[in-house]
Each structure stands twice: as structure tokens, then as C-alpha cells.
């Protein structure tokens, strides 16, 4: 994923990994439904689609999150630049 902070004018590339103790099929169902994003994106306050189709490369959305309770909210525009399917264990 890449985030773009308009106030700084920079793009940041990062990867997030998380282990989920559920069958792969169930995880795929949960990830396919944007309503479940707060379950795996900690601190999400708002997830607003901007363009594209959820889960497809090129999709953009606005995400607002709080790093910790009581701290100011942060916002970023995210673009999905890669989507892998299957078993990608390293």
C-alpha cells in the first residue's frame, strides 16, 4: 500500500502483516467486506472509498485513524498497488 499525505507532499510505501487464527476461506470473506476493516486495521475511525472496486489494484480510499486513544486523528489517501492471492509464506 502507498499512502499520500497531502500536507507533506510525500508518498510512503509500506507493508503490513498480521496473523489471523481462522481458515483462509473465512479470512478471504472478511477481507472482501470493507465493513470488517476495523477488525484488522487498528484505530480506524473512517474508511471512505474514493475510486475503484474494493480489493482491486488501483482502488483508492480515504482512511482516518487514531494512533492511540486521546491522540489527534490522522488521515491518508491509500491506493492498492498490489494484491496477492494464495499461500505466500516466506
PDB file of N, CA and C in Angstrom:
ATOM      1  N   UNK A   1       0.837  -1.169   0.000  1.00  0.00           N
ATOM      2  CA  UNK A   1       0.000   0.000   0.000  1.00  0.00           C
ATOM      3  C   UNK A   1       0.883   1.235   0.000  1.00  0.00           C
ATOM      4  N   UNK A   2       0.386   2.293  -0.579  1.00  0.00           N
ATOM      5  CA  UNK A   2       1.065   3.581  -0.512  1.00  0.00           C
ATOM      6  C   UNK A   2       0.104   4.572   0.103  1.00  0.00           C
ATOM      7  N   UNK A   3       0.623   5.409   0.948  1.00  0.00           N
ATOM      8  CA  UNK A   3      -0.203   6.482   1.473  1.00  0.00           C
ATOM      9  C   UNK A   3       0.385   7.795   1.003  1.00  0.00           C
ATOM     10  N   UNK A   4      -0.453   8.774   0.814  1.00  0.00           N
ATOM     11  CA  UNK A   4      -0.009  10.090   0.377  1.00  0.00           C
ATOM     12  C   UNK A   4      -0.551  11.119   1.343  1.00  0.00           C
ATOM     13  N   UNK A   5       0.328  11.794   2.000  1.00  0.00           N
ATOM     14  CA  UNK A   5      -0.051  12.852   2.932  1.00  0.00           C
ATOM     15  C   UNK A   5       0.071  14.177   2.188  1.00  0.00           C
ATOM     16  N   UNK A   6      -1.059  14.773   1.836  1.00  0.00           N
ATOM     17  CA  UNK A   6      -1.044  15.995   1.034  1.00  0.00           C
ATOM     18  C   UNK A   6      -0.343  17.135   1.750  1.00  0.00           C
ATOM     19  N   UNK A   7      -0.403  17.154   3.063  1.00  0.00           N
ATOM     20  CA  UNK A   7       0.231  18.257   3.779  1.00  0.00           C
ATOM     21  C   UNK A   7       1.755  18.180   3.661  1.00  0.00           C
ATOM     22  N   UNK A   8       2.300  16.975   3.532  1.00  0.00           N
ATOM     23  CA  UNK A   8       3.748  16.810   3.409  1.00  0.00           C
ATOM     24  C   UNK A   8       4.183  16.668   1.951  1.00  0.00           C
ATOM     25  N   UNK A   9       3.259  16.236   1.082  1.00  0.00           N
ATOM     26  CA  UNK A   9       3.577  16.061  -0.317  1.00  0.00           C
ATOM     27  C   UNK A   9       4.507  14.900  -0.589  1.00  0.00           C
ATOM     28  N   UNK A  10       4.441  13.857   0.221  1.00  0.00           N
ATOM     29  CA  UNK A  10       5.323  12.701   0.040  1.00  0.00           C
ATOM     30  C   UNK A  10       4.510  11.415  -0.005  1.00  0.00           C
ATOM     31  N   UNK A  11       5.036  10.432  -0.716  1.00  0.00           N
ATOM     32  CA  UNK A  11       4.427   9.107  -0.749  1.00  0.00           C
ATOM     33  C   UNK A  11       5.256   8.190   0.128  1.00  0.00           C
ATOM     34  N   UNK A  12       4.582   7.309   0.855  1.00  0.00           N
ATOM     35  CA  UNK A  12       5.246   6.372   1.736  1.00  0.00           C
ATOM     36  C   UNK A  12       4.819   4.973   1.334  1.00  0.00           C
ATOM     37  N   UNK A  13       5.775   4.079   1.140  1.00  0.00           N
ATOM     38  CA  UNK A  13       5.448   2.700   0.793  1.00  0.00           C
ATOM     39  C   UNK A  13       5.713   1.824   2.012  1.00  0.00           C
ATOM     40  N   UNK A  14       4.726   0.991   2.353  1.00  0.00           N
ATOM     41  CA  UNK A  14       4.899   0.115   3.496  1.00  0.00           C
ATOM     42  C   UNK A  14       4.073  -1.144   3.308  1.00  0.00           C
ATOM     43  N   UNK A  15       4.429  -2.163   4.058  1.00  0.00           N
ATOM     44  CA  UNK A  15       3.717  -3.435   4.041  1.00  0.00           C
ATOM     45  C   UNK A  15       3.319  -3.772   5.461  1.00  0.00           C
ATOM     46  N   UNK A  16       2.105  -4.277   5.619  1.00  0.00           N
ATOM     47  CA  UNK A  16       1.608  -4.660   6.930  1.00  0.00           C
ATOM     48  C   UNK A  16       1.291  -6.151   6.900  1.00  0.00           C
ATOM     49  N   UNK A  17       1.709  -6.878   7.926  1.00  0.00           N
ATOM     50  CA  UNK A  17       1.397  -8.301   8.044  1.00  0.00           C
ATOM     51  C   UNK A  17       0.697  -8.559   9.366  1.00  0.00           C
ATOM     52  N   UNK A  18      -0.218  -9.502   9.343  1.00  0.00           N
ATOM     53  CA  UNK A  18      -0.940  -9.874  10.558  1.00  0.00           C
ATOM     54  C   UNK A  18      -1.296 -11.353  10.467  1.00  0.00           C
ATOM     55  N   UNK A  19      -1.190 -12.066  11.582  1.00  0.00           N
ATOM     56  CA  UNK A  19      -1.586 -13.468  11.622  1.00  0.00           C
ATOM     57  C   UNK A  19      -2.998 -13.558  12.164  1.00  0.00           C
ATOM     58  N   UNK A  20      -3.842 -14.326  11.480  1.00  0.00           N
ATOM     59  CA  UNK A  20      -5.239 -14.482  11.869  1.00  0.00           C
ATOM     60  C   UNK A  20      -5.518 -15.975  12.044  1.00  0.00           C
ATOM     61  N   UNK A  21      -6.018 -16.341  13.205  1.00  0.00           N
ATOM     62  CA  UNK A  21      -6.256 -17.756  13.520  1.00  0.00           C
ATOM     63  C   UNK A  21      -7.632 -18.204  13.024  1.00  0.00           C
ATOM     64  N   UNK A  22      -7.819 -18.131  11.709  1.00  0.00           N
ATOM     65  CA  UNK A  22      -9.065 -18.567  11.077  1.00  0.00           C
ATOM     66  C   UNK A  22      -8.719 -19.280   9.775  1.00  0.00           C
ATOM     67  N   UNK A  23      -9.617 -20.115   9.272  1.00  0.00           N
ATOM     68  CA  UNK A  23      -9.370 -20.734   7.972  1.00  0.00           C
ATOM     69  C   UNK A  23      -9.241 -19.666   6.880  1.00  0.00           C
ATOM     70  N   UNK A  24      -8.400 -19.939   5.890  1.00  0.00           N
ATOM     71  CA  UNK A  24      -8.135 -18.987   4.806  1.00  0.00           C
ATOM     72  C   UNK A  24      -9.414 -18.498   4.137  1.00  0.00           C
ATOM     73  N   UNK A  25     -10.374 -19.387   3.918  1.00  0.00           N
ATOM     74  CA  UNK A  25     -11.618 -19.009   3.248  1.00  0.00           C
ATOM     75  C   UNK A  25     -12.385 -17.968   4.061  1.00  0.00           C
ATOM     76  N   UNK A  26     -12.411 -18.139   5.381  1.00  0.00           N
ATOM     77  CA  UNK A  26     -13.103 -17.191   6.253  1.00  0.00           C
ATOM     78  C   UNK A  26     -12.405 -15.825   6.238  1.00  0.00           C
ATOM     79  N   UNK A  27     -11.081 -15.844   6.269  1.00  0.00           N
ATOM     80  CA  UNK A  27     -10.314 -14.595   6.219  1.00  0.00           C
ATOM     81  C   UNK A  27     -10.581 -13.872   4.904  1.00  0.00           C
ATOM     82  N   UNK A  28     -10.611 -14.606   3.799  1.00  0.00           N
ATOM     83  CA  UNK A  28     -10.893 -14.003   2.491  1.00  0.00           C
ATOM     84  C   UNK A  28     -12.268 -13.337   2.491  1.00  0.00           C
ATOM     85  N   UNK A  29     -13.257 -13.981   3.098  1.00  0.00           N
ATOM     86  CA  UNK A  29     -14.606 -13.396   3.183  1.00  0.00           C
ATOM     87  C   UNK A  29     -14.586 -12.104   3.997  1.00  0.00           C
ATOM     88  N   UNK A  30     -13.886 -12.120   5.121  1.00  0.00           N
ATOM     89  CA  UNK A  30     -13.822 -10.935   5.976  1.00  0.00           C
ATOM     90  C   UNK A  30     -13.112  -9.776   5.271  1.00  0.00           C
ATOM     91  N   UNK A  31     -12.004 -10.080   4.588  1.00  0.00           N
ATOM     92  CA  UNK A  31     -11.254  -9.030   3.904  1.00  0.00           C
ATOM     93  C   UNK A  31     -12.001  -8.479   2.695  1.00  0.00           C
ATOM     94  N   UNK A  32     -12.876  -9.269   2.117  1.00  0.00           N
ATOM     95  CA  UNK A  32     -13.639  -8.825   0.951  1.00  0.00           C
ATOM     96  C   UNK A  32     -14.736  -7.836   1.327  1.00  0.00           C
ATOM     97  N   UNK A  33     -15.078  -7.761   2.597  1.00  0.00           N
ATOM     98  CA  UNK A  33     -16.150  -6.877   3.057  1.00  0.00           C
ATOM     99  C   UNK A  33     -15.550  -5.683   3.798  1.00  0.00           C
ATOM    100  N   UNK A  34     -15.595  -4.472   3.214  1.00  0.00           N
ATOM    101  CA  UNK A  34     -14.996  -3.298   3.858  1.00  0.00           C
ATOM    102  C   UNK A  34     -15.560  -2.999   5.248  1.00  0.00           C
ATOM    103  N   UNK A  35     -16.745  -3.497   5.562  1.00  0.00           N
ATOM    104  CA  UNK A  35     -17.323  -3.264   6.889  1.00  0.00           C
ATOM    105  C   UNK A  35     -16.468  -3.880   7.996  1.00  0.00           C
ATOM    106  N   UNK A  36     -15.628  -4.857   7.635  1.00  0.00           N
ATOM    107  CA  UNK A  36     -14.792  -5.542   8.625  1.00  0.00           C
ATOM    108  C   UNK A  36     -13.403  -4.925   8.775  1.00  0.00           C
ATOM    109  N   UNK A  37     -13.104  -3.847   8.065  1.00  0.00           N
ATOM    110  CA  UNK A  37     -11.775  -3.241   8.144  1.00  0.00           C
ATOM    111  C   UNK A  37     -11.335  -2.918   9.573  1.00  0.00           C
ATOM    112  N   UNK A  38     -12.208  -2.391  10.436  1.00  0.00           N
ATOM    113  CA  UNK A  38     -11.751  -2.097  11.800  1.00  0.00           C
ATOM    114  C   UNK A  38     -11.258  -3.335  12.553  1.00  0.00           C
ATOM    115  N   UNK A  39     -11.616  -4.533  12.102  1.00  0.00           N
ATOM    116  CA  UNK A  39     -11.152  -5.752  12.771  1.00  0.00           C
ATOM    117  C   UNK A  39      -9.657  -5.973  12.548  1.00  0.00           C
ATOM    118  N   UNK A  40      -9.119  -5.488  11.424  1.00  0.00           N
ATOM    119  CA  UNK A  40      -7.708  -5.735  11.140  1.00  0.00           C
ATOM    120  C   UNK A  40      -6.882  -4.473  10.924  1.00  0.00           C
ATOM    121  N   UNK A  41      -7.508  -3.330  10.837  1.00  0.00           N
ATOM    122  CA  UNK A  41      -6.780  -2.064  10.791  1.00  0.00           C
ATOM    123  C   UNK A  41      -7.029  -1.343  12.112  1.00  0.00           C
ATOM    124  N   UNK A  42      -6.076  -1.445  13.010  1.00  0.00           N
ATOM    125  CA  UNK A  42      -6.238  -0.861  14.338  1.00  0.00           C
ATOM    126  C   UNK A  42      -6.412   0.654  14.264  1.00  0.00           C
ATOM    127  N   UNK A  43      -7.344   1.169  15.028  1.00  0.00           N
ATOM    128  CA  UNK A  43      -7.535   2.601  15.154  1.00  0.00           C
ATOM    129  C   UNK A  43      -8.346   3.246  14.047  1.00  0.00           C
ATOM    130  N   UNK A  44      -8.908   2.459  13.119  1.00  0.00           N
ATOM    131  CA  UNK A  44      -9.666   3.040  12.012  1.00  0.00           C
ATOM    132  C   UNK A  44     -10.900   3.755  12.549  1.00  0.00           C
ATOM    133  N   UNK A  45     -11.045   5.010  12.155  1.00  0.00           N
ATOM    134  CA  UNK A  45     -12.194   5.817  12.528  1.00  0.00           C
ATOM    135  C   UNK A  45     -13.139   5.937  11.332  1.00  0.00           C
ATOM    136  N   UNK A  46     -12.552   6.041  10.128  1.00  0.00           N
ATOM    137  CA  UNK A  46     -13.342   6.218   8.907  1.00  0.00           C
ATOM    138  C   UNK A  46     -12.636   5.542   7.744  1.00  0.00           C
ATOM    139  N   UNK A  47     -13.386   4.854   6.924  1.00  0.00           N
ATOM    140  CA  UNK A  47     -12.887   4.252   5.681  1.00  0.00           C
ATOM    141  C   UNK A  47     -13.867   4.672   4.599  1.00  0.00           C
ATOM    142  N   UNK A  48     -13.415   5.523   3.683  1.00  0.00           N
ATOM    143  CA  UNK A  48     -14.307   6.049   2.653  1.00  0.00           C
ATOM    144  C   UNK A  48     -13.736   5.751   1.267  1.00  0.00           C
ATOM    145  N   UNK A  49     -14.428   4.910   0.476  1.00  0.00           N
ATOM    146  CA  UNK A  49     -13.945   4.632  -0.878  1.00  0.00           C
ATOM    147  C   UNK A  49     -13.946   5.910  -1.716  1.00  0.00           C
ATOM    148  N   UNK A  50     -12.877   6.102  -2.508  1.00  0.00           N
ATOM    149  CA  UNK A  50     -12.783   7.260  -3.385  1.00  0.00           C
ATOM    150  C   UNK A  50     -12.955   6.854  -4.849  1.00  0.00           C
ATOM    151  N   UNK A  51     -12.345   5.720  -5.224  1.00  0.00           N
ATOM    152  CA  UNK A  51     -12.476   5.236  -6.598  1.00  0.00           C
ATOM    153  C   UNK A  51     -12.099   3.759  -6.653  1.00  0.00           C
ATOM    154  N   UNK A  52     -12.578   3.091  -7.689  1.00  0.00           N
ATOM    155  CA  UNK A  52     -12.234   1.691  -7.887  1.00  0.00           C
ATOM    156  C   UNK A  52     -13.162   0.738  -7.160  1.00  0.00           C
ATOM    157  N   UNK A  53     -12.767  -0.528  -7.167  1.00  0.00           N
ATOM    158  CA  UNK A  53     -13.539  -1.604  -6.547  1.00  0.00           C
ATOM    159  C   UNK A  53     -12.707  -2.189  -5.414  1.00  0.00           C
ATOM    160  N   UNK A  54     -13.287  -2.294  -4.229  1.00  0.00           N
ATOM    161  CA  UNK A  54     -12.576  -2.802  -3.054  1.00  0.00           C
ATOM    162  C   UNK A  54     -11.840  -4.101  -3.390  1.00  0.00           C
ATOM    163  N   UNK A  55     -10.547  -4.140  -3.064  1.00  0.00           N
ATOM    164  CA  UNK A  55      -9.739  -5.338  -3.270  1.00  0.00           C
ATOM    165  C   UNK A  55      -9.051  -5.411  -4.617  1.00  0.00           C
ATOM    166  N   UNK A  56      -9.318  -4.464  -5.513  1.00  0.00           N
ATOM    167  CA  UNK A  56      -8.700  -4.491  -6.836  1.00  0.00           C
ATOM    168  C   UNK A  56      -7.572  -3.456  -6.908  1.00  0.00           C
ATOM    169  N   UNK A  57      -6.496  -3.816  -7.609  1.00  0.00           N
ATOM    170  CA  UNK A  57      -5.365  -2.907  -7.778  1.00  0.00           C
ATOM    171  C   UNK A  57      -5.861  -1.607  -8.393  1.00  0.00           C
ATOM    172  N   UNK A  58      -5.386  -0.493  -7.848  1.00  0.00           N
ATOM    173  CA  UNK A  58      -5.773   0.828  -8.320  1.00  0.00           C
ATOM    174  C   UNK A  58      -6.870   1.479  -7.492  1.00  0.00           C
ATOM    175  N   UNK A  59      -7.542   0.687  -6.655  1.00  0.00           N
ATOM    176  CA  UNK A  59      -8.593   1.234  -5.800  1.00  0.00           C
ATOM    177  C   UNK A  59      -7.988   2.260  -4.838  1.00  0.00           C
ATOM    178  N   UNK A  60      -8.689   3.365  -4.656  1.00  0.00           N
ATOM    179  CA  UNK A  60      -8.240   4.404  -3.726  1.00  0.00           C
ATOM    180  C   UNK A  60      -9.304   4.636  -2.667  1.00  0.00           C
ATOM    181  N   UNK A  61      -8.856   4.951  -1.456  1.00  0.00           N
ATOM    182  CA  UNK A  61      -9.788   5.287  -0.397  1.00  0.00           C
ATOM    183  C   UNK A  61      -9.131   6.222   0.596  1.00  0.00           C
ATOM    184  N   UNK A  62      -9.970   6.937   1.299  1.00  0.00           N
ATOM    185  CA  UNK A  62      -9.541   7.803   2.387  1.00  0.00           C
ATOM    186  C   UNK A  62      -9.684   7.002   3.665  1.00  0.00           C
ATOM    187  N   UNK A  63      -8.663   7.031   4.481  1.00  0.00           N
ATOM    188  CA  UNK A  63      -8.740   6.341   5.764  1.00  0.00           C
ATOM    189  C   UNK A  63      -8.335   7.329   6.856  1.00  0.00           C
ATOM    190  N   UNK A  64      -9.128   7.367   7.906  1.00  0.00           N
ATOM    191  CA  UNK A  64      -8.847   8.209   9.064  1.00  0.00           C
ATOM    192  C   UNK A  64      -8.663   7.260  10.240  1.00  0.00           C
ATOM    193  N   UNK A  65      -7.588   7.462  10.981  1.00  0.00           N
ATOM    194  CA  UNK A  65      -7.309   6.573  12.104  1.00  0.00           C
ATOM    195  C   UNK A  65      -6.743   7.356  13.272  1.00  0.00           C
ATOM    196  N   UNK A  66      -6.862   6.770  14.437  1.00  0.00           N
ATOM    197  CA  UNK A  66      -6.318   7.338  15.659  1.00  0.00           C
ATOM    198  C   UNK A  66      -5.211   6.408  16.140  1.00  0.00           C
ATOM    199  N   UNK A  67      -4.000   6.937  16.283  1.00  0.00           N
ATOM    200  CA  UNK A  67      -2.864   6.111  16.684  1.00  0.00           C
ATOM    201  C   UNK A  67      -3.046   5.542  18.089  1.00  0.00           C
ATOM    202  N   UNK A  68      -3.629   6.325  18.955  1.00  0.00           N
ATOM    203  CA  UNK A  68      -3.900   5.871  20.320  1.00  0.00           C
ATOM    204  C   UNK A  68      -5.033   6.703  20.892  1.00  0.00           C
ATOM    205  N   UNK A  69      -5.760   6.157  21.865  1.00  0.00           N
ATOM    206  CA  UNK A  69      -6.886   6.901  22.432  1.00  0.00           C
ATOM    207  C   UNK A  69      -6.449   8.280  22.932  1.00  0.00           C
ATOM    208  N   UNK A  70      -7.237   9.285  22.577  1.00  0.00           N
ATOM    209  CA  UNK A  70      -6.949  10.638  23.021  1.00  0.00           C
ATOM    210  C   UNK A  70      -6.014  11.417  22.123  1.00  0.00           C
ATOM    211  N   UNK A  71      -5.368  10.733  21.163  1.00  0.00           N
ATOM    212  CA  UNK A  71      -4.466  11.444  20.258  1.00  0.00           C
ATOM    213  C   UNK A  71      -5.251  11.987  19.071  1.00  0.00           C
ATOM    214  N   UNK A  72      -4.713  12.991  18.379  1.00  0.00           N
ATOM    215  CA  UNK A  72      -5.417  13.525  17.208  1.00  0.00           C
ATOM    216  C   UNK A  72      -5.546  12.464  16.119  1.00  0.00           C
ATOM    217  N   UNK A  73      -6.609  12.555  15.330  1.00  0.00           N
ATOM    218  CA  UNK A  73      -6.798  11.627  14.221  1.00  0.00           C
ATOM    219  C   UNK A  73      -5.838  11.974  13.080  1.00  0.00           C
ATOM    220  N   UNK A  74      -5.486  10.956  12.300  1.00  0.00           N
ATOM    221  CA  UNK A  74      -4.629  11.112  11.130  1.00  0.00           C
ATOM    222  C   UNK A  74      -5.426  10.655   9.919  1.00  0.00           C
ATOM    223  N   UNK A  75      -5.177  11.270   8.777  1.00  0.00           N
ATOM    224  CA  UNK A  75      -5.876  10.883   7.559  1.00  0.00           C
ATOM    225  C   UNK A  75      -4.851  10.603   6.471  1.00  0.00           C
ATOM    226  N   UNK A  76      -5.181   9.645   5.605  1.00  0.00           N
ATOM    227  CA  UNK A  76      -4.314   9.318   4.478  1.00  0.00           C
ATOM    228  C   UNK A  76      -5.170   8.847   3.317  1.00  0.00           C
ATOM    229  N   UNK A  77      -4.706   9.131   2.109  1.00  0.00           N
ATOM    230  CA  UNK A  77      -5.327   8.571   0.922  1.00  0.00           C
ATOM    231  C   UNK A  77      -4.481   7.371   0.537  1.00  0.00           C
ATOM    232  N   UNK A  78      -5.099   6.208   0.445  1.00  0.00           N
ATOM    233  CA  UNK A  78      -4.391   4.968   0.140  1.00  0.00           C
ATOM    234  C   UNK A  78      -4.760   4.477  -1.241  1.00  0.00           C
ATOM    235  N   UNK A  79      -3.789   3.871  -1.913  1.00  0.00           N
ATOM    236  CA  UNK A  79      -4.010   3.243  -3.213  1.00  0.00           C
ATOM    237  C   UNK A  79      -3.481   1.824  -3.137  1.00  0.00           C
ATOM    238  N   UNK A  80      -4.300   0.858  -3.502  1.00  0.00           N
ATOM    239  CA  UNK A  80      -3.868  -0.535  -3.531  1.00  0.00           C
ATOM    240  C   UNK A  80      -3.010  -0.734  -4.770  1.00  0.00           C
ATOM    241  N   UNK A  81      -1.726  -1.044  -4.570  1.00  0.00           N
ATOM    242  CA  UNK A  81      -0.809  -1.182  -5.694  1.00  0.00           C
ATOM    243  C   UNK A  81      -0.468  -2.640  -6.000  1.00  0.00           C
ATOM    244  N   UNK A  82      -0.840  -3.548  -5.113  1.00  0.00           N
ATOM    245  CA  UNK A  82      -0.563  -4.962  -5.329  1.00  0.00           C
ATOM    246  C   UNK A  82      -1.559  -5.778  -4.530  1.00  0.00           C
ATOM    247  N   UNK A  83      -1.988  -6.888  -5.103  1.00  0.00           N
ATOM    248  CA  UNK A  83      -2.887  -7.791  -4.382  1.00  0.00           C
ATOM    249  C   UNK A  83      -2.452  -9.214  -4.697  1.00  0.00           C
ATOM    250  N   UNK A  84      -2.110  -9.960  -3.650  1.00  0.00           N
ATOM    251  CA  UNK A  84      -1.678 -11.341  -3.833  1.00  0.00           C
ATOM    252  C   UNK A  84      -2.763 -12.273  -3.331  1.00  0.00           C
ATOM    253  N   UNK A  85      -2.888 -13.379  -3.983  1.00  0.00           N
ATOM    254  CA  UNK A  85      -3.819 -14.413  -3.530  1.00  0.00           C
ATOM    255  C   UNK A  85      -3.038 -15.700  -3.333  1.00  0.00           C
ATOM    256  N   UNK A  86      -3.615 -16.626  -2.597  1.00  0.00           N
ATOM    257  CA  UNK A  86      -2.953 -17.904  -2.374  1.00  0.00           C
ATOM    258  C   UNK A  86      -2.052 -17.868  -1.172  1.00  0.00           C
ATOM    259  N   UNK A  87      -1.193 -18.866  -1.075  1.00  0.00           N
ATOM    260  CA  UNK A  87      -0.287 -19.022   0.063  1.00  0.00           C
ATOM    261  C   UNK A  87       1.052 -18.395  -0.264  1.00  0.00           C
ATOM    262  N   UNK A  88       1.403 -17.305   0.442  1.00  0.00           N
ATOM    263  CA  UNK A  88       2.652 -16.597   0.191  1.00  0.00           C
ATOM    264  C   UNK A  88       3.529 -16.607   1.423  1.00  0.00           C
ATOM    265  N   UNK A  89       3.686 -17.728   2.040  1.00  0.00           N
ATOM    266  CA  UNK A  89       4.546 -17.822   3.214  1.00  0.00           C
ATOM    267  C   UNK A  89       5.996 -17.723   2.785  1.00  0.00           C
ATOM    268  N   UNK A  90       6.781 -16.948   3.540  1.00  0.00           N
ATOM    269  CA  UNK A  90       8.211 -16.784   3.223  1.00  0.00           C
ATOM    270  C   UNK A  90       9.035 -17.785   3.979  1.00  0.00           C
TER     271      UNK A  90
END
